[in-house]
C-alpha atoms as a PDB file:
ATOM      1  CA  MET A   1     -45.341 -60.106 -17.509  1.00  0.00           C
ATOM      2  CA  PRO A   2     -42.532 -58.640 -18.606  1.00  0.00           C
ATOM      3  CA  THR A   3     -39.826 -57.382 -16.082  1.00  0.00           C
ATOM      4  CA  ILE A   4     -38.747 -53.976 -16.377  1.00  0.00           C
ATOM      5  CA  LEU A   5     -36.615 -53.047 -13.935  1.00  0.00           C
ATOM      6  CA  ARG A   6     -35.079 -54.937 -10.079  1.00  0.00           C
ATOM      7  CA  ILE A   7     -34.892 -52.694  -6.700  1.00  0.00           C
ATOM      8  CA  ASP A   8     -33.771 -54.230  -4.243  1.00  0.00           C
ATOM      9  CA  GLY A   9     -35.005 -57.893  -4.738  1.00  0.00           C
ATOM     10  CA  LEU A  10     -38.604 -56.156  -6.290  1.00  0.00           C
ATOM     11  CA  ARG A  11     -39.208 -56.443  -9.715  1.00  0.00           C
ATOM     12  CA  VAL A  12     -41.004 -53.608 -11.071  1.00  0.00           C
ATOM     13  CA  VAL A  13     -43.502 -54.752 -14.658  1.00  0.00           C
ATOM     14  CA  ILE A  14     -45.840 -53.200 -16.787  1.00  0.00           C
ATOM     15  CA  TYR A  15     -48.589 -55.872 -18.197  1.00  0.00           C
ATOM     16  CA  PRO A  16     -48.876 -55.263 -21.760  1.00  0.00           C
ATOM     17  CA  ASP A  17     -52.683 -55.376 -21.871  1.00  0.00           C
ATOM     18  CA  ASP A  18     -52.719 -52.602 -19.071  1.00  0.00           C
ATOM     19  CA  HIS A  19     -54.747 -49.342 -19.552  1.00  0.00           C
ATOM     20  CA  ARG A  20     -53.271 -45.624 -18.907  1.00  0.00           C
ATOM     21  CA  PRO A  21     -52.343 -43.552 -17.231  1.00  0.00           C
ATOM     22  CA  ALA A  22     -48.328 -44.844 -17.328  1.00  0.00           C
ATOM     23  CA  HIS A  23     -47.357 -46.726 -14.447  1.00  0.00           C
ATOM     24  CA  VAL A  24     -45.583 -49.763 -12.575  1.00  0.00           C
ATOM     25  CA  HIS A  25     -46.491 -53.002 -10.402  1.00  0.00           C
ATOM     26  CA  VAL A  26     -43.617 -53.087  -7.782  1.00  0.00           C
ATOM     27  CA  ILE A  27     -44.512 -56.941  -6.835  1.00  0.00           C
ATOM     28  CA  GLY A  28     -42.523 -58.174  -3.967  1.00  0.00           C
ATOM     29  CA  ALA A  29     -42.585 -61.218  -1.532  1.00  0.00           C
ATOM     30  CA  ASN A  30     -44.462 -59.643   0.509  1.00  0.00           C
ATOM     31  CA  GLY A  31     -46.636 -57.515  -1.087  1.00  0.00           C
ATOM     32  CA  GLU A  32     -47.688 -55.755  -4.619  1.00  0.00           C
ATOM     33  CA  ALA A  33     -47.726 -51.209  -5.553  1.00  0.00           C
ATOM     34  CA  VAL A  34     -48.846 -49.479  -8.476  1.00  0.00           C
ATOM     35  CA  PHE A  35     -47.476 -45.715  -8.624  1.00  0.00           C
ATOM     36  CA  ILE A  36     -49.242 -43.688 -11.275  1.00  0.00           C
ATOM     37  CA  LEU A  37     -45.288 -43.127 -13.518  1.00  0.00           C
ATOM     38  CA  ASN A  38     -46.896 -39.036 -14.112  1.00  0.00           C
ATOM     39  CA  CYS A  39     -45.211 -40.081 -17.500  1.00  0.00           C
ATOM     40  CA  PRO A  40     -42.921 -38.400 -19.510  1.00  0.00           C
ATOM     41  CA  GLY A  41     -41.109 -36.157 -16.395  1.00  0.00           C
ATOM     42  CA  GLY A  42     -42.350 -37.502 -12.906  1.00  0.00           C
ATOM     43  CA  PRO A  43     -42.541 -37.982  -9.748  1.00  0.00           C
ATOM     44  CA  PRO A  44     -43.657 -41.433  -9.087  1.00  0.00           C
ATOM     45  CA  GLU A  45     -47.136 -41.054  -7.039  1.00  0.00           C
ATOM     46  CA  LEU A  46     -48.519 -43.813  -5.250  1.00  0.00           C
ATOM     47  CA  ARG A  47     -51.657 -45.843  -6.285  1.00  0.00           C
ATOM     48  CA  GLU A  48     -52.569 -48.762  -3.923  1.00  0.00           C
ATOM     49  CA  ALA A  49     -50.040 -50.076  -2.178  1.00  0.00           C
ATOM     50  CA  TYR A  50     -50.582 -53.928  -0.387  1.00  0.00           C
ATOM     51  CA  GLY A  51     -48.075 -56.090   1.554  1.00  0.00           C
ATOM     52  CA  PHE A  52     -45.802 -52.804   2.360  1.00  0.00           C
ATOM     53  CA  SER A  53     -44.800 -50.605   4.541  1.00  0.00           C
ATOM     54  CA  GLN A  54     -45.399 -47.468   4.888  1.00  0.00           C
ATOM     55  CA  ARG A  55     -41.385 -47.195   5.214  1.00  0.00           C
ATOM     56  CA  ASP A  56     -40.508 -49.280   2.478  1.00  0.00           C
ATOM     57  CA  VAL A  57     -43.081 -47.821  -0.199  1.00  0.00           C
ATOM     58  CA  LEU A  58     -41.121 -44.014   0.668  1.00  0.00           C
ATOM     59  CA  ARG A  59     -38.323 -45.968  -0.586  1.00  0.00           C
ATOM     60  CA  ILE A  60     -39.970 -47.932  -3.852  1.00  0.00           C
ATOM     61  CA  GLN A  61     -41.432 -44.134  -4.638  1.00  0.00           C
ATOM     62  CA  LYS A  62     -38.010 -42.520  -4.850  1.00  0.00           C
ATOM     63  CA  ASP A  63     -36.380 -45.507  -6.358  1.00  0.00           C
ATOM     64  CA  LEU A  64     -38.696 -45.621  -9.100  1.00  0.00           C
ATOM     65  CA  ALA A  65     -38.635 -41.810  -9.285  1.00  0.00           C
ATOM     66  CA  ASP A  66     -34.631 -41.801  -9.716  1.00  0.00           C
ATOM     67  CA  HIS A  67     -35.124 -44.135 -12.604  1.00  0.00           C
ATOM     68  CA  ILE A  68     -38.054 -42.679 -14.701  1.00  0.00           C
ATOM     69  CA  ALA A  69     -36.335 -41.220 -18.032  1.00  0.00           C
ATOM     70  CA  THR A  70     -36.212 -45.745 -17.971  1.00  0.00           C
ATOM     71  CA  LEU A  71     -39.712 -46.773 -17.637  1.00  0.00           C
ATOM     72  CA  CYS A  72     -41.846 -43.810 -18.614  1.00  0.00           C
ATOM     73  CA  PRO A  73     -39.666 -45.151 -22.814  1.00  0.00           C
ATOM     74  CA  VAL A  74     -40.218 -48.357 -21.602  1.00  0.00           C
ATOM     75  CA  TRP A  75     -43.924 -47.442 -20.874  1.00  0.00           C
ATOM     76  CA  SER A  76     -44.318 -46.053 -24.181  1.00  0.00           C
ATOM     77  CA  GLU A  77     -42.661 -48.084 -26.229  1.00  0.00           C
ATOM     78  CA  ILE A  78     -45.149 -51.080 -24.775  1.00  0.00           C
ATOM     79  CA  HIS A  79     -48.716 -48.464 -24.322  1.00  0.00           C
ATOM     80  CA  GLY A  80     -48.341 -45.413 -26.808  1.00  0.00           C
ATOM     81  CA  ASP A  81     -49.022 -42.690 -25.625  1.00  0.00           C
ATOM     82  CA  PHE A  82     -48.621 -41.557 -21.687  1.00  0.00           C
END
């Protein structure tokens, strides 16, 4: 499970054997969230979250949006089309 990005101690992961649509798993000590990337331009959209507060989810979503231009090409390298 390659870590693509780190945001404030959280790991942003794209699993090699995962499915479409393009999405990332954000993993922290207290929870995990999955965001659909809506490539190529975003914005990321929450699919599910466990253990994160609503405030944390919104912050993560904003941080992912700031990195969408990096995340979408990496998804494409691993999986092909979005």
